[in-house]
């Protein structure tokens, strides 16, 4: 079996195929975690795994098109795919569709965390662990900003999900995390959430796949996939080729280019995120989220990763320093004791976004070509669960019920 893509989705799929006794070869245009699986915030947060198409985002996004410093930035473009994506996204930014999507994400619930536990149990004590956030913190510059997230939590409960949280004053949350500054006047503590170190976890998962007999090949740029009638042929650049019984396409923001010929018509648009690391005077003991600013902060050992932005533009465009500066401007008032000019690991990666916010998981029009992608901001959180679903579909076992929402031919 072949898997195209060595990010969290592709490697999780390979791992779960191995669980079912299937040999795997993984190829990637770069290498392990060369895309958005490396520089993300590493959150495993069922309470915050929510659809992007919240109704207020539409009006916010239209204003943001004119402001390069906005956390949600849509540069003016005549690109027909981007225009098609934006039109489809707008159709899903209605209260009814948003609540229906919230119900689907509530159904996912903690199932994604269960898949991480399965990998950890099988991999043994040498695997990179997930870490509890006890509690996970959301911080706000005003009580009104906090009320907006509380409203979303109420909808989670109304649509069948659960979230365990408590409100905190500015003094209480700053007392828990001294790195927070005077700009934080209210908070929420959310229980039952986790996080991980993305680079370390991806390296650990790759080692597990290879230790179990899998092959991971980098610098393999796939140009085409062909169904031969009895198997598949994967055509790479520079005359490279690979034959397999079946293939899983897990190529992130580049998914559409290979999957379209197999009936997958959903637009997969790059929603680019940015991150960097800083060393604070007081190291936070858990992730911190600033929802109004859309900035995510995660402790990674001796440094903190600061991530943000949703930039709809070409996946391969170079890093735009203005996006980094926009994150700094949003986060700086909320912290104390950080030299924001002393940044490292500045990064941009392309999250694969769909118009309805649901991933594309399962068989294409060809039973030998399956797809796994389109997770938007939640590829890390849903990666192992996705791998489990794809492996079940490929081996004829019953996939988790949630997979019915993610038909790539919808």
Protein backbone atom coordinates (compact mmCIF):
# COMPACT_ATOMS: atom_id res chain seq x y z
CA UNK A 1 0.00 0.00 0.00
CA UNK A 2 1.25 3.50 -0.80
CA UNK A 3 0.58 6.75 1.04
CA UNK A 4 1.36 10.09 -0.59
CA UNK A 5 2.15 12.60 2.15
CA UNK A 6 4.27 12.28 5.30
CA UNK A 7 2.35 14.69 7.50
CA UNK A 8 0.21 13.71 10.48
CA UNK A 9 -2.59 12.39 8.24
CA UNK A 10 -0.35 10.29 5.99
CA UNK A 11 1.79 8.83 8.78
CA UNK A 12 -1.27 8.06 10.93
CA UNK A 13 -2.83 6.26 7.97
CA UNK A 14 0.36 4.28 7.46
CA UNK A 15 0.47 3.38 11.16
CA UNK A 16 -3.12 2.13 11.23
CA UNK A 17 -2.63 0.16 8.00
CA UNK A 18 0.29 -1.55 9.70
CA UNK A 19 -1.98 -2.35 12.64
CA UNK A 20 -4.06 -4.33 10.15
CA UNK A 21 -1.05 -6.17 8.77
CA UNK A 22 -0.61 -4.07 5.61
CA UNK A 23 2.86 -3.13 4.41
CA UNK A 24 3.23 0.56 3.56
CA UNK A 25 5.44 2.89 1.58
CA UNK A 26 5.09 6.63 2.29
CA UNK A 27 6.38 9.22 -0.17
CA UNK A 28 6.50 12.99 0.24
CA UNK A 29 7.64 15.93 -1.85
CA UNK A 30 9.72 17.17 1.09
CA UNK A 31 10.02 14.81 4.02
CA UNK A 32 8.42 14.01 7.36
CA UNK A 33 6.29 16.94 8.56
CA UNK A 34 7.52 19.25 5.80
CA UNK A 35 4.12 20.98 5.67
CA UNK A 36 1.63 22.25 8.24
CA UNK A 37 2.23 19.28 10.57
CA UNK A 38 5.49 20.87 11.75
CA UNK A 39 4.75 24.47 12.71
CA UNK A 40 1.24 24.29 14.16
CA UNK A 41 0.21 24.86 17.77
CA UNK A 42 -0.08 21.15 18.63
CA UNK A 43 -3.47 21.42 20.31
CA UNK A 44 -5.64 18.37 20.98
CA UNK A 45 -8.65 20.32 22.15
CA UNK A 46 -12.13 18.88 21.58
CA UNK A 47 -13.65 22.01 23.13
CA UNK A 48 -12.04 24.20 20.49
CA UNK A 49 -12.25 21.88 17.48
CA UNK A 50 -14.99 23.95 15.90
CA UNK A 51 -16.06 24.74 12.32
CA UNK A 52 -14.45 27.83 10.82
CA UNK A 53 -17.71 28.89 9.17
CA UNK A 54 -19.12 30.72 12.19
CA UNK A 55 -21.64 33.30 10.83
CA UNK A 56 -19.74 36.34 12.14
CA UNK A 57 -16.60 35.21 10.28
CA UNK A 58 -18.18 36.12 6.96
CA UNK A 59 -18.65 39.80 7.81
CA UNK A 60 -15.31 39.83 9.58
CA UNK A 61 -13.61 38.26 6.59
CA UNK A 62 -15.01 40.77 4.12
CA UNK A 63 -13.53 43.59 6.17
CA UNK A 64 -10.28 41.68 6.53
CA UNK A 65 -9.81 41.55 2.78
CA UNK A 66 -8.71 45.17 3.01
CA UNK A 67 -6.43 44.77 6.03
CA UNK A 68 -3.20 42.75 5.71
CA UNK A 69 -2.76 42.91 9.51
CA UNK A 70 -6.04 41.07 10.15
CA UNK A 71 -5.92 37.56 11.69
CA UNK A 72 -8.15 36.44 8.80
CA UNK A 73 -6.65 37.79 5.60
CA UNK A 74 -7.99 37.30 2.09
CA UNK A 75 -5.81 39.21 -0.39
CA UNK A 76 -7.61 40.47 -3.46
CA UNK A 77 -7.17 37.95 -6.24
CA UNK A 78 -8.74 36.91 -9.52
CA UNK A 79 -7.73 33.28 -8.92
CA UNK A 80 -10.84 31.29 -9.96
CA UNK A 81 -10.23 28.53 -7.40
CA UNK A 82 -9.96 31.04 -4.56
CA UNK A 83 -13.12 32.82 -5.72
CA UNK A 84 -14.95 29.48 -5.92
CA UNK A 85 -13.77 28.57 -2.43
CA UNK A 86 -14.86 31.92 -0.97
CA UNK A 87 -18.29 31.64 -2.56
CA UNK A 88 -18.75 28.14 -1.17
CA UNK A 89 -17.45 29.17 2.23
CA UNK A 90 -19.91 32.09 2.32
CA UNK A 91 -22.82 29.71 1.65
CA UNK A 92 -21.85 27.74 4.75
CA UNK A 93 -21.59 30.80 7.04
CA UNK A 94 -25.27 30.71 7.99
CA UNK A 95 -26.58 30.06 11.51
CA UNK A 96 -28.34 26.85 10.43
CA UNK A 97 -25.36 25.32 8.65
CA UNK A 98 -23.01 26.40 11.42
CA UNK A 99 -25.12 24.70 14.09
CA UNK A 100 -25.34 21.55 11.97
CA UNK A 101 -21.55 21.59 11.60
CA UNK A 102 -21.18 22.10 15.34
CA UNK A 103 -23.22 18.93 15.82
CA UNK A 104 -20.79 16.96 13.64
CA UNK A 105 -17.77 18.28 15.53
CA UNK A 106 -19.52 17.49 18.81
CA UNK A 107 -19.92 13.92 17.55
CA UNK A 108 -16.17 13.74 17.00
CA UNK A 109 -15.75 14.76 20.64
CA UNK A 110 -12.97 12.89 22.40
CA UNK A 111 -12.78 10.17 19.74
CA UNK A 112 -9.72 11.88 18.30
CA UNK A 113 -7.95 11.65 21.66
CA UNK A 114 -8.74 7.94 21.88
CA UNK A 115 -6.79 7.36 18.66
CA UNK A 116 -3.74 9.11 20.12
CA UNK A 117 -3.98 6.79 23.12
CA UNK A 118 -4.07 3.73 20.86
CA UNK A 119 -0.87 4.82 19.13
CA UNK A 120 0.84 5.61 22.43
CA UNK A 121 -0.12 2.26 23.96
CA UNK A 122 1.22 0.30 20.99
CA UNK A 123 4.36 2.41 20.55
CA UNK A 124 5.47 1.98 24.15
CA UNK A 125 7.37 4.25 26.57
CA UNK A 126 9.77 5.62 23.95
CA UNK A 127 7.01 7.43 22.02
CA UNK A 128 6.57 11.18 22.27
CA UNK A 129 3.60 11.67 24.64
CA UNK A 130 0.59 13.91 24.51
CA UNK A 131 0.36 16.17 27.54
CA UNK A 132 -2.65 17.20 29.62
CA UNK A 133 -3.48 20.90 29.84
CA UNK A 134 -4.86 21.20 33.35
CA UNK A 135 -6.56 23.49 32.67
CA UNK A 136 -6.20 24.81 29.16
CA UNK A 137 -6.47 28.60 29.31
CA UNK A 138 -8.30 31.11 27.13
CA UNK A 139 -7.47 34.75 27.92
CA UNK A 140 -9.34 37.91 26.98
CA UNK A 141 -8.87 41.65 26.91
CA UNK A 142 -12.54 42.18 27.86
CA UNK A 143 -15.47 40.32 29.37
CA UNK A 144 -17.38 40.89 26.12
CA UNK A 145 -14.70 38.95 24.24
CA UNK A 146 -15.03 36.13 26.75
CA UNK A 147 -18.80 36.04 26.31
CA UNK A 148 -18.35 35.23 22.61
CA UNK A 149 -16.51 31.98 23.41
CA UNK A 150 -18.97 31.11 26.18
CA UNK A 151 -21.73 31.39 23.56
CA UNK A 152 -19.91 28.86 21.36
CA UNK A 153 -19.55 26.50 24.33
CA UNK A 154 -23.31 26.71 24.90
CA UNK A 155 -23.92 25.72 21.28
CA UNK A 156 -21.57 22.74 21.73
CA UNK A 157 -23.75 21.54 24.58
CA UNK A 158 -26.98 22.26 22.69
CA UNK A 159 -25.79 20.21 19.71
CA UNK A 160 -24.86 17.14 21.75
CA UNK A 161 -21.28 17.81 22.81
CA UNK A 162 -19.74 18.49 26.18
CA UNK A 163 -17.24 21.01 27.46
CA UNK A 164 -16.10 21.45 31.05
CA UNK A 165 -15.05 25.02 31.77
CA UNK A 166 -15.03 27.69 34.46
CA UNK A 167 -14.81 31.47 34.27
CA UNK A 168 -11.81 33.26 35.73
CA UNK A 169 -11.08 36.86 36.62
CA UNK A 170 -8.04 38.65 35.27
CA UNK A 171 -6.30 38.29 38.62
CA UNK A 172 -7.03 34.57 38.81
CA UNK A 173 -5.71 33.74 35.35
CA UNK A 174 -2.63 35.95 35.77
CA UNK A 175 -1.97 34.30 39.11
CA UNK A 176 -2.03 30.91 37.41
CA UNK A 177 0.22 32.07 34.54
CA UNK A 178 2.58 34.92 35.54
CA UNK A 179 3.64 35.35 31.88
CA UNK A 180 0.27 36.95 31.20
CA UNK A 181 0.24 40.73 31.31
CA UNK A 182 -2.09 43.50 32.36
CA UNK A 183 -3.88 43.33 28.99
CA UNK A 184 -5.63 40.15 30.19
CA UNK A 185 -8.73 41.05 32.21
CA UNK A 186 -10.76 37.81 32.01
CA UNK A 187 -10.21 34.14 31.37
CA UNK A 188 -11.66 30.67 30.97
CA UNK A 189 -10.17 27.42 32.27
CA UNK A 190 -11.07 24.43 30.10
CA UNK A 191 -10.59 20.91 31.43
CA UNK A 192 -10.08 17.68 29.51
CA UNK A 193 -7.81 19.11 26.80
CA UNK A 194 -4.30 18.11 25.73
CA UNK A 195 -1.39 19.28 23.60
CA UNK A 196 1.83 17.96 22.08
CA UNK A 197 5.15 19.07 20.65
CA UNK A 198 4.50 18.78 16.86
CA UNK A 199 8.08 18.28 15.60
CA UNK A 200 8.88 15.72 18.29
CA UNK A 201 5.59 13.89 17.87
CA UNK A 202 5.99 13.68 14.10
CA UNK A 203 9.54 12.35 14.43
CA UNK A 204 8.30 9.78 16.95
CA UNK A 205 5.43 8.67 14.70
CA UNK A 206 7.78 8.36 11.71
CA UNK A 207 10.17 6.22 13.76
CA UNK A 208 7.29 3.98 14.78
CA UNK A 209 6.19 3.51 11.14
CA UNK A 210 9.71 2.61 9.99
CA UNK A 211 10.37 0.38 13.02
CA UNK A 212 7.30 -1.65 12.04
CA UNK A 213 8.68 -2.22 8.54
CA UNK A 214 7.37 0.80 6.67
CA UNK A 215 9.39 2.86 4.20
CA UNK A 216 9.34 6.68 4.14
CA UNK A 217 10.87 8.33 1.08
CA UNK A 218 11.38 12.07 0.86
CA UNK A 219 12.06 14.29 -2.16
CA UNK A 220 9.46 12.29 -4.11
CA UNK A 221 7.31 14.85 -5.90
CA UNK A 222 4.20 13.05 -7.17
CA UNK A 223 2.96 14.39 -10.49
CA UNK A 224 0.25 11.87 -11.31
CA UNK A 225 -1.60 8.81 -10.01
CA UNK A 226 -3.03 6.24 -12.41
CA UNK A 227 -5.50 3.45 -11.75
CA UNK A 228 -4.27 0.49 -13.81
CA UNK A 229 -7.36 -1.64 -13.17
CA UNK A 230 -5.53 -4.00 -10.84
CA UNK A 231 -3.51 -1.48 -8.84
CA UNK A 232 -2.12 2.04 -9.04
CA UNK A 233 0.93 3.63 -10.56
CA UNK A 234 2.37 6.70 -8.84
CA UNK A 235 4.38 8.90 -11.21
CA UNK A 236 6.99 11.21 -9.73
CA UNK A 237 9.29 13.84 -11.15
CA UNK A 238 12.65 12.92 -12.68
CA UNK A 239 11.30 9.61 -13.93
CA UNK A 240 10.51 8.18 -10.52
CA UNK A 241 7.60 5.74 -10.23
CA UNK A 242 5.99 3.49 -7.65
CA UNK A 243 3.50 0.65 -8.13
CA UNK A 244 1.08 -0.39 -5.37
CA UNK A 245 -2.17 -2.22 -4.80
CA UNK A 246 -3.84 1.01 -3.66
CA UNK A 247 -2.91 4.55 -2.64
CA UNK A 248 -4.00 7.10 -0.05
CA UNK A 249 -3.65 10.74 -1.08
CA UNK A 250 -2.79 12.77 2.01
CA UNK A 251 -1.15 15.78 0.37
CA UNK A 252 -2.74 18.56 2.40
CA UNK A 253 -3.40 21.78 0.50
CA UNK A 254 -2.26 20.09 -2.73
CA UNK A 255 -4.89 17.33 -2.46
CA UNK A 256 -7.15 18.56 -5.26
CA UNK A 257 -4.50 18.36 -7.96
CA UNK A 258 -4.22 14.58 -7.64
CA UNK A 259 -7.72 13.69 -6.44
CA UNK A 260 -9.81 15.62 -8.97
CA UNK A 261 -9.51 13.06 -11.75
CA UNK A 262 -10.97 10.47 -9.35
CA UNK A 263 -14.20 12.39 -8.78
CA UNK A 264 -13.19 14.55 -5.81
CA UNK A 265 -14.59 17.94 -6.81
CA UNK A 266 -14.52 19.78 -3.50
CA UNK A 267 -12.18 22.75 -3.54
CA UNK A 268 -9.27 22.37 -1.13
CA UNK A 269 -7.90 25.85 -0.45
CA UNK A 270 -4.69 26.71 1.37
CA UNK A 271 -5.48 28.53 4.60
CA UNK A 272 -1.97 29.49 5.56
CA UNK A 273 -0.91 29.78 9.18
CA UNK A 274 2.20 31.43 10.62
CA UNK A 275 4.23 30.71 13.73
CA UNK A 276 7.48 31.53 15.51
CA UNK A 277 9.03 30.83 18.90
CA UNK A 278 10.10 33.11 21.76
CA UNK A 279 11.58 32.56 25.21
CA UNK A 280 9.47 34.20 27.95
CA UNK A 281 10.75 35.27 31.33
CA UNK A 282 8.18 32.98 32.97
CA UNK A 283 7.50 29.79 31.03
CA UNK A 284 3.76 28.96 30.80
CA UNK A 285 2.83 25.56 32.13
CA UNK A 286 0.12 24.97 29.54
CA UNK A 287 -1.22 26.30 26.22
CA UNK A 288 -2.85 29.73 26.18
CA UNK A 289 -5.36 30.90 23.60
CA UNK A 290 -6.38 34.45 22.79
CA UNK A 291 -9.64 33.86 20.87
CA UNK A 292 -10.38 37.48 19.97
CA UNK A 293 -6.89 37.88 18.51
CA UNK A 294 -6.89 34.31 17.12
CA UNK A 295 -3.43 33.69 18.55
CA UNK A 296 -2.34 30.31 19.94
CA UNK A 297 0.60 29.86 22.33
CA UNK A 298 2.09 26.49 23.25
CA UNK A 299 5.05 25.69 25.54
CA UNK A 300 7.59 23.52 23.73
CA UNK A 301 10.20 22.74 26.35
CA UNK A 302 12.45 25.78 26.66
CA UNK A 303 10.46 28.07 24.37
CA UNK A 304 6.90 29.04 23.45
CA UNK A 305 5.46 28.67 19.97
CA UNK A 306 3.19 31.56 19.00
CA UNK A 307 0.89 30.83 16.07
CA UNK A 308 -1.91 32.55 14.24
CA UNK A 309 -3.38 33.86 10.99
CA UNK A 310 -5.68 32.36 8.41
CA UNK A 311 -4.39 33.60 5.09
CA UNK A 312 -6.20 32.39 1.98
CA UNK A 313 -3.61 32.47 -0.77
CA UNK A 314 -1.40 30.21 -2.86
CA UNK A 315 0.12 27.41 -0.78
CA UNK A 316 3.60 27.93 -2.18
CA UNK A 317 3.83 31.70 -1.71
CA UNK A 318 6.81 32.83 0.40
CA UNK A 319 6.49 33.80 4.04
CA UNK A 320 5.12 37.34 4.37
CA UNK A 321 6.85 39.16 7.29
CA UNK A 322 3.75 41.33 7.75
CA UNK A 323 1.85 38.30 9.00
CA UNK A 324 4.48 37.68 11.68
CA UNK A 325 4.31 41.31 12.74
CA UNK A 326 0.51 41.09 12.92
CA UNK A 327 0.76 38.17 15.35
CA UNK A 328 3.31 40.05 17.46
CA UNK A 329 1.06 43.14 17.58
CA UNK A 330 -1.89 41.03 18.71
CA UNK A 331 -0.02 38.98 21.34
CA UNK A 332 2.36 41.55 22.85
CA UNK A 333 -0.24 43.40 24.98
CA UNK A 334 -1.35 40.10 26.51
CA UNK A 335 2.06 39.04 27.84
CA UNK A 336 4.84 40.38 30.01
CA UNK A 337 8.54 39.55 30.06
CA UNK A 338 8.99 38.66 26.36
CA UNK A 339 11.45 40.23 23.94
CA UNK A 340 9.35 40.01 20.78
CA UNK A 341 12.29 40.93 18.57
CA UNK A 342 14.18 37.85 19.75
CA UNK A 343 12.17 35.44 17.62
CA UNK A 344 13.24 32.12 16.12
CA UNK A 345 11.77 29.46 13.82
CA UNK A 346 9.59 31.83 11.80
CA UNK A 347 7.40 29.57 9.67
CA UNK A 348 4.43 29.48 7.32
CA UNK A 349 2.42 26.39 6.40
CA UNK A 350 -0.66 25.71 4.31
CA UNK A 351 -3.65 24.22 6.09
CA UNK A 352 -6.04 22.42 3.69
CA UNK A 353 -9.50 24.00 4.03
CA UNK A 354 -12.85 22.95 2.53
CA UNK A 355 -15.89 25.15 2.01
CA UNK A 356 -18.06 23.28 4.53
CA UNK A 357 -15.26 22.78 7.06
CA UNK A 358 -15.44 18.97 6.92
CA UNK A 359 -12.46 16.87 5.85
CA UNK A 360 -12.45 14.56 2.83
CA UNK A 361 -11.92 11.01 4.05
CA UNK A 362 -12.52 7.76 2.21
CA UNK A 363 -12.70 6.18 -1.20
CA UNK A 364 -12.73 8.22 -4.38
CA UNK A 365 -14.52 7.10 -7.51
CA UNK A 366 -11.77 4.48 -7.75
CA UNK A 367 -11.76 1.83 -5.00
CA UNK A 368 -7.96 1.81 -5.27
CA UNK A 369 -7.57 5.55 -4.64
CA UNK A 370 -8.56 6.90 -1.22
CA UNK A 371 -8.17 10.45 0.05
CA UNK A 372 -7.50 11.92 3.48
CA UNK A 373 -7.31 15.68 3.86
CA UNK A 374 -9.12 18.98 4.09
CA UNK A 375 -8.98 19.21 7.90
CA UNK A 376 -8.33 22.95 8.03
CA UNK A 377 -6.89 23.91 11.42
CA UNK A 378 -7.56 20.50 12.94
CA UNK A 379 -5.22 18.17 11.08
CA UNK A 380 -3.10 17.42 14.15
CA UNK A 381 -6.10 16.90 16.43
CA UNK A 382 -7.90 14.60 13.97
CA UNK A 383 -4.88 12.99 12.30
CA UNK A 384 -4.80 9.61 14.07
CA UNK A 385 -8.61 9.31 13.94
CA UNK A 386 -8.47 9.99 10.20
CA UNK A 387 -5.77 7.35 9.74
CA UNK A 388 -7.94 4.88 11.62
CA UNK A 389 -10.95 5.66 9.41
CA UNK A 390 -9.01 5.35 6.15
CA UNK A 391 -7.34 2.09 7.19
CA UNK A 392 -10.73 0.64 8.13
CA UNK A 393 -12.16 1.58 4.75
CA UNK A 394 -9.22 0.08 2.86
CA UNK A 395 -9.27 -3.22 4.75
CA UNK A 396 -13.02 -3.83 4.67
CA UNK A 397 -13.67 -3.29 8.37
CA UNK A 398 -16.34 -1.04 9.80
CA UNK A 399 -15.04 2.53 10.09
CA UNK A 400 -16.05 4.86 12.93
CA UNK A 401 -19.58 6.15 12.40
CA UNK A 402 -18.40 9.76 12.18
CA UNK A 403 -16.81 8.99 8.80
CA UNK A 404 -20.21 9.21 7.10
CA UNK A 405 -19.98 13.02 7.21
CA UNK A 406 -16.65 13.14 5.39
CA UNK A 407 -17.42 11.44 2.07
CA UNK A 408 -14.94 12.93 -0.42
CA UNK A 409 -17.49 12.58 -3.25
CA UNK A 410 -20.14 14.70 -1.51
